[in-house]
Structures are given as C-alpha cells and as structure tokens.
Amino acid sequence: MYAVRRSIIKSLMGERRMHAMSGMMNGSMMLGMILWIVFVVGVIILTIYVVTKVGKKTQRSNKQDTTNITGSGKQILDERYANGEITEREYRRKKMMIEEMDSK
C-alpha cells in the first residue's frame, strides 16, 4: 500500500513539473518569437536607411560632376589654378588656348 501511494505521489509530482515546464516553455517561445520579429524589422529598417543615405550621396556627387562639366572652360581653368592643381605656366598656356578657341 505504501509503495502504491509513493508511486502515485511521484507520478503526480512529475506531471506537475511537466505542466510547469510547458508553461515556461510556451512563454519563452513567445518571447523569443517576438524578439526575432523585432530583430528582423530592425534589420529591414537599417537596410532601408543605409540604401537611402548612399543614394543621396551618389546623387550629390553626380550633381557636382555635372556642374563642373557644364561650367565654361575658363571657369574650370580658374578653379584648377586657384586650387593649386596646375602651375602658373600651365594656367597661362591653357588660358591662351581657350581664348583662341573662343575667338574662332
């Protein structure tokens, strides 16, 4: 009789532990799923942010490039000389070439 009681008590304790564990697992799994969704949404938002920033920088650099191309030869030459990209001798020689082309 004692052995039967003991086995019943053990089996009941085991069932209680199983129910307690399954409740914790369900809560943990739900929290893990929510955190995973938050992570995925964060990665998507970060990707969109980076792509738009890179796109804006590319557009800006393209606008600067076209500004230099559309400027007159004299303006470009003046800017290069002012920035120290060419020497005074090169500046004068190229300036004369531009003036000759404009006069034709």
N, C-alpha and C. Protein backbone atom coordinates (compact mmCIF):
# COMPACT_ATOMS: atom_id res chain seq x y z
N MET A 1 0.81 -1.18 0.00
CA MET A 1 0.00 0.00 0.00
C MET A 1 0.87 1.27 0.00
N TYR A 2 1.92 1.22 0.81
CA TYR A 2 2.83 2.35 0.88
C TYR A 2 3.51 2.56 -0.47
N ALA A 3 3.92 1.51 -1.10
CA ALA A 3 4.59 1.60 -2.39
C ALA A 3 3.66 2.18 -3.45
N VAL A 4 2.38 1.84 -3.37
CA VAL A 4 1.40 2.36 -4.34
C VAL A 4 1.24 3.86 -4.13
N ARG A 5 1.12 4.26 -2.88
CA ARG A 5 0.99 5.69 -2.59
C ARG A 5 2.21 6.46 -3.09
N ARG A 6 3.35 5.90 -2.83
CA ARG A 6 4.59 6.56 -3.23
C ARG A 6 4.66 6.71 -4.76
N SER A 7 4.30 5.70 -5.50
CA SER A 7 4.33 5.78 -6.96
C SER A 7 3.30 6.78 -7.47
N ILE A 8 2.15 6.87 -6.80
CA ILE A 8 1.13 7.86 -7.19
C ILE A 8 1.65 9.26 -6.94
N ILE A 9 2.28 9.48 -5.80
CA ILE A 9 2.82 10.79 -5.47
C ILE A 9 3.91 11.18 -6.48
N LYS A 10 4.81 10.24 -6.78
CA LYS A 10 5.87 10.51 -7.75
C LYS A 10 5.30 10.86 -9.12
N SER A 11 4.30 10.11 -9.53
CA SER A 11 3.71 10.38 -10.85
C SER A 11 3.01 11.73 -10.86
N LEU A 12 2.34 12.09 -9.76
CA LEU A 12 1.69 13.41 -9.69
C LEU A 12 2.72 14.53 -9.68
N MET A 13 3.80 14.35 -8.97
CA MET A 13 4.84 15.38 -8.94
C MET A 13 5.45 15.56 -10.33
N GLY A 14 5.66 14.46 -11.02
CA GLY A 14 6.20 14.51 -12.36
C GLY A 14 5.27 15.27 -13.30
N GLU A 15 3.98 15.03 -13.19
CA GLU A 15 3.00 15.72 -14.04
C GLU A 15 2.99 17.21 -13.73
N ARG A 16 3.08 17.55 -12.47
CA ARG A 16 3.09 18.98 -12.11
C ARG A 16 4.33 19.65 -12.68
N ARG A 17 5.45 18.97 -12.56
CA ARG A 17 6.67 19.54 -13.12
C ARG A 17 6.55 19.71 -14.63
N MET A 18 5.96 18.75 -15.28
CA MET A 18 5.78 18.84 -16.73
C MET A 18 4.88 20.01 -17.09
N HIS A 19 3.80 20.19 -16.33
CA HIS A 19 2.91 21.32 -16.62
C HIS A 19 3.60 22.65 -16.36
N ALA A 20 4.37 22.73 -15.31
CA ALA A 20 5.09 23.96 -15.00
C ALA A 20 6.13 24.25 -16.09
N MET A 21 6.82 23.22 -16.53
CA MET A 21 7.82 23.41 -17.57
C MET A 21 7.19 23.81 -18.89
N SER A 22 6.08 23.19 -19.23
CA SER A 22 5.46 23.53 -20.51
C SER A 22 4.93 24.95 -20.49
N GLY A 23 4.48 25.45 -19.36
CA GLY A 23 4.04 26.83 -19.26
C GLY A 23 5.19 27.79 -19.46
N MET A 24 6.34 27.46 -18.88
CA MET A 24 7.51 28.30 -19.04
C MET A 24 8.01 28.27 -20.48
N MET A 25 7.98 27.12 -21.10
CA MET A 25 8.45 27.00 -22.46
C MET A 25 7.57 27.79 -23.41
N ASN A 26 6.29 27.75 -23.20
CA ASN A 26 5.40 28.50 -24.08
C ASN A 26 5.66 29.99 -23.95
N GLY A 27 5.88 30.48 -22.74
CA GLY A 27 6.17 31.89 -22.54
C GLY A 27 7.51 32.27 -23.15
N SER A 28 8.50 31.42 -22.98
CA SER A 28 9.82 31.68 -23.55
C SER A 28 9.79 31.66 -25.06
N MET A 29 9.05 30.73 -25.60
CA MET A 29 8.98 30.63 -27.05
C MET A 29 8.28 31.86 -27.63
N MET A 30 7.25 32.32 -26.94
CA MET A 30 6.52 33.50 -27.40
C MET A 30 7.43 34.73 -27.34
N LEU A 31 8.17 34.88 -26.26
CA LEU A 31 9.10 36.00 -26.13
C LEU A 31 10.18 35.92 -27.19
N GLY A 32 10.71 34.72 -27.42
CA GLY A 32 11.73 34.54 -28.45
C GLY A 32 11.20 34.90 -29.83
N MET A 33 9.97 34.54 -30.11
CA MET A 33 9.38 34.86 -31.40
C MET A 33 9.21 36.37 -31.56
N ILE A 34 8.76 37.03 -30.52
CA ILE A 34 8.58 38.49 -30.57
C ILE A 34 9.93 39.17 -30.77
N LEU A 35 10.95 38.74 -30.05
CA LEU A 35 12.28 39.32 -30.20
C LEU A 35 12.83 39.08 -31.61
N TRP A 36 12.56 37.92 -32.18
CA TRP A 36 13.02 37.62 -33.53
C TRP A 36 12.35 38.56 -34.54
N ILE A 37 11.07 38.78 -34.38
CA ILE A 37 10.33 39.69 -35.28
C ILE A 37 10.89 41.11 -35.16
N VAL A 38 11.15 41.56 -33.93
CA VAL A 38 11.72 42.89 -33.72
C VAL A 38 13.10 42.98 -34.39
N PHE A 39 13.89 41.95 -34.28
CA PHE A 39 15.21 41.92 -34.90
C PHE A 39 15.10 42.03 -36.42
N VAL A 40 14.22 41.25 -37.02
CA VAL A 40 14.06 41.25 -38.48
C VAL A 40 13.58 42.62 -38.96
N VAL A 41 12.61 43.20 -38.26
CA VAL A 41 12.10 44.53 -38.63
C VAL A 41 13.22 45.57 -38.50
N GLY A 42 14.04 45.46 -37.46
CA GLY A 42 15.17 46.38 -37.27
C GLY A 42 16.18 46.28 -38.40
N VAL A 43 16.48 45.07 -38.83
CA VAL A 43 17.41 44.88 -39.94
C VAL A 43 16.85 45.49 -41.22
N ILE A 44 15.56 45.31 -41.46
CA ILE A 44 14.93 45.89 -42.66
C ILE A 44 15.00 47.41 -42.62
N ILE A 45 14.68 48.00 -41.48
CA ILE A 45 14.72 49.46 -41.35
C ILE A 45 16.15 49.97 -41.53
N LEU A 46 17.13 49.30 -40.94
CA LEU A 46 18.52 49.70 -41.08
C LEU A 46 18.98 49.61 -42.54
N THR A 47 18.56 48.58 -43.23
CA THR A 47 18.92 48.42 -44.65
C THR A 47 18.34 49.55 -45.48
N ILE A 48 17.08 49.89 -45.25
CA ILE A 48 16.45 50.98 -45.99
C ILE A 48 17.17 52.30 -45.71
N TYR A 49 17.52 52.55 -44.46
CA TYR A 49 18.22 53.77 -44.08
C TYR A 49 19.56 53.88 -44.80
N VAL A 50 20.34 52.80 -44.79
CA VAL A 50 21.66 52.82 -45.42
C VAL A 50 21.53 53.02 -46.93
N VAL A 51 20.58 52.34 -47.56
CA VAL A 51 20.40 52.48 -49.00
C VAL A 51 20.02 53.91 -49.38
N THR A 52 19.14 54.54 -48.61
CA THR A 52 18.75 55.92 -48.93
C THR A 52 19.91 56.89 -48.72
N LYS A 53 20.72 56.68 -47.69
CA LYS A 53 21.88 57.55 -47.46
C LYS A 53 22.88 57.44 -48.60
N VAL A 54 23.17 56.23 -49.03
CA VAL A 54 24.12 56.03 -50.12
C VAL A 54 23.56 56.63 -51.41
N GLY A 55 22.26 56.49 -51.64
CA GLY A 55 21.63 57.06 -52.83
C GLY A 55 21.73 58.57 -52.86
N LYS A 56 21.53 59.20 -51.70
CA LYS A 56 21.62 60.67 -51.64
C LYS A 56 23.04 61.14 -51.90
N LYS A 57 24.03 60.43 -51.36
CA LYS A 57 25.42 60.81 -51.59
C LYS A 57 25.77 60.68 -53.07
N THR A 58 25.29 59.63 -53.70
CA THR A 58 25.56 59.42 -55.12
C THR A 58 24.93 60.52 -55.95
N GLN A 59 23.71 60.91 -55.61
CA GLN A 59 23.04 61.99 -56.35
C GLN A 59 23.81 63.30 -56.19
N ARG A 60 24.27 63.57 -54.97
CA ARG A 60 25.03 64.80 -54.74
C ARG A 60 26.31 64.82 -55.56
N SER A 61 27.04 63.71 -55.57
CA SER A 61 28.30 63.68 -56.32
C SER A 61 28.03 63.79 -57.81
N ASN A 62 26.93 63.22 -58.30
CA ASN A 62 26.59 63.35 -59.72
C ASN A 62 26.28 64.80 -60.06
N LYS A 63 25.59 65.51 -59.16
CA LYS A 63 25.27 66.91 -59.41
C LYS A 63 26.55 67.75 -59.44
N GLN A 64 27.49 67.47 -58.56
CA GLN A 64 28.74 68.22 -58.55
C GLN A 64 29.53 67.95 -59.83
N ASP A 65 29.53 66.72 -60.28
CA ASP A 65 30.25 66.39 -61.51
C ASP A 65 29.66 67.12 -62.70
N THR A 66 28.33 67.16 -62.80
CA THR A 66 27.70 67.83 -63.94
C THR A 66 27.89 69.34 -63.86
N THR A 67 27.99 69.89 -62.66
CA THR A 67 28.25 71.32 -62.52
C THR A 67 29.60 71.66 -63.12
N ASN A 68 30.61 70.85 -62.83
CA ASN A 68 31.94 71.10 -63.38
C ASN A 68 31.96 70.94 -64.89
N ILE A 69 31.20 70.01 -65.40
CA ILE A 69 31.20 69.76 -66.83
C ILE A 69 30.49 70.90 -67.57
N THR A 70 29.41 71.41 -67.00
CA THR A 70 28.66 72.46 -67.67
C THR A 70 29.31 73.83 -67.54
N GLY A 71 30.28 74.00 -66.62
CA GLY A 71 30.96 75.28 -66.47
C GLY A 71 31.81 75.56 -67.69
N SER A 72 32.08 76.80 -67.94
CA SER A 72 32.91 77.14 -69.10
C SER A 72 34.35 76.70 -68.86
N GLY A 73 35.09 76.56 -69.93
CA GLY A 73 36.49 76.15 -69.82
C GLY A 73 37.29 77.12 -68.99
N LYS A 74 36.99 78.40 -69.13
CA LYS A 74 37.71 79.43 -68.37
C LYS A 74 37.45 79.28 -66.87
N GLN A 75 36.19 79.00 -66.52
CA GLN A 75 35.86 78.83 -65.09
C GLN A 75 36.57 77.62 -64.50
N ILE A 76 36.56 76.54 -65.25
CA ILE A 76 37.23 75.32 -64.77
C ILE A 76 38.72 75.56 -64.62
N LEU A 77 39.31 76.24 -65.59
CA LEU A 77 40.74 76.55 -65.53
C LEU A 77 41.05 77.42 -64.32
N ASP A 78 40.21 78.43 -64.09
CA ASP A 78 40.41 79.31 -62.92
C ASP A 78 40.34 78.52 -61.61
N GLU A 79 39.37 77.62 -61.52
CA GLU A 79 39.22 76.81 -60.30
C GLU A 79 40.43 75.90 -60.09
N ARG A 80 40.89 75.28 -61.14
CA ARG A 80 42.06 74.39 -61.02
C ARG A 80 43.30 75.17 -60.60
N TYR A 81 43.46 76.37 -61.13
CA TYR A 81 44.61 77.20 -60.76
C TYR A 81 44.48 77.66 -59.31
N ALA A 82 43.27 78.05 -58.91
CA ALA A 82 43.05 78.50 -57.53
C ALA A 82 43.27 77.36 -56.53
N ASN A 83 42.93 76.15 -56.92
CA ASN A 83 43.11 75.00 -56.03
C ASN A 83 44.55 74.49 -56.02
N GLY A 84 45.39 75.04 -56.89
CA GLY A 84 46.79 74.62 -56.93
C GLY A 84 47.01 73.35 -57.72
N GLU A 85 46.04 72.97 -58.55
CA GLU A 85 46.17 71.76 -59.34
C GLU A 85 47.11 71.95 -60.54
N ILE A 86 47.24 73.17 -61.01
CA ILE A 86 48.12 73.45 -62.14
C ILE A 86 49.03 74.63 -61.80
N THR A 87 50.14 74.71 -62.49
CA THR A 87 51.09 75.80 -62.24
C THR A 87 50.65 77.05 -63.02
N GLU A 88 51.33 78.16 -62.73
CA GLU A 88 51.01 79.41 -63.42
C GLU A 88 51.31 79.29 -64.91
N ARG A 89 52.39 78.63 -65.22
CA ARG A 89 52.77 78.45 -66.62
C ARG A 89 51.69 77.67 -67.38
N GLU A 90 51.25 76.54 -66.77
CA GLU A 90 50.18 75.75 -67.40
C GLU A 90 48.91 76.58 -67.54
N TYR A 91 48.61 77.36 -66.49
CA TYR A 91 47.40 78.19 -66.50
C TYR A 91 47.43 79.16 -67.68
N ARG A 92 48.53 79.86 -67.85
CA ARG A 92 48.61 80.84 -68.94
C ARG A 92 48.54 80.18 -70.31
N ARG A 93 49.20 79.06 -70.45
CA ARG A 93 49.19 78.36 -71.74
C ARG A 93 47.77 77.88 -72.09
N LYS A 94 47.10 77.30 -71.13
CA LYS A 94 45.75 76.80 -71.37
C LYS A 94 44.76 77.95 -71.55
N LYS A 95 44.98 79.03 -70.84
CA LYS A 95 44.11 80.19 -70.99
C LYS A 95 44.20 80.75 -72.42
N MET A 96 45.41 80.80 -72.95
CA MET A 96 45.59 81.27 -74.33
C MET A 96 44.90 80.33 -75.31
N MET A 97 44.98 79.03 -75.06
CA MET A 97 44.33 78.05 -75.94
C MET A 97 42.81 78.25 -75.92
N ILE A 98 42.26 78.49 -74.73
CA ILE A 98 40.81 78.71 -74.64
C ILE A 98 40.40 79.97 -75.35
N GLU A 99 41.17 81.04 -75.17
CA GLU A 99 40.85 82.32 -75.84
C GLU A 99 40.91 82.17 -77.35
N GLU A 100 41.88 81.39 -77.85
CA GLU A 100 41.98 81.15 -79.30
C GLU A 100 40.75 80.38 -79.81
N MET A 101 40.31 79.40 -79.04
CA MET A 101 39.15 78.61 -79.45
C MET A 101 37.87 79.45 -79.43
N ASP A 102 37.76 80.35 -78.42
CA ASP A 102 36.58 81.22 -78.33
C ASP A 102 36.54 82.23 -79.46
N SER A 103 37.70 82.68 -79.92
CA SER A 103 37.73 83.71 -80.97
C SER A 103 37.39 83.12 -82.34
N LYS A 104 37.50 81.81 -82.51
CA LYS A 104 37.20 81.20 -83.81
C LYS A 104 35.75 81.05 -84.04
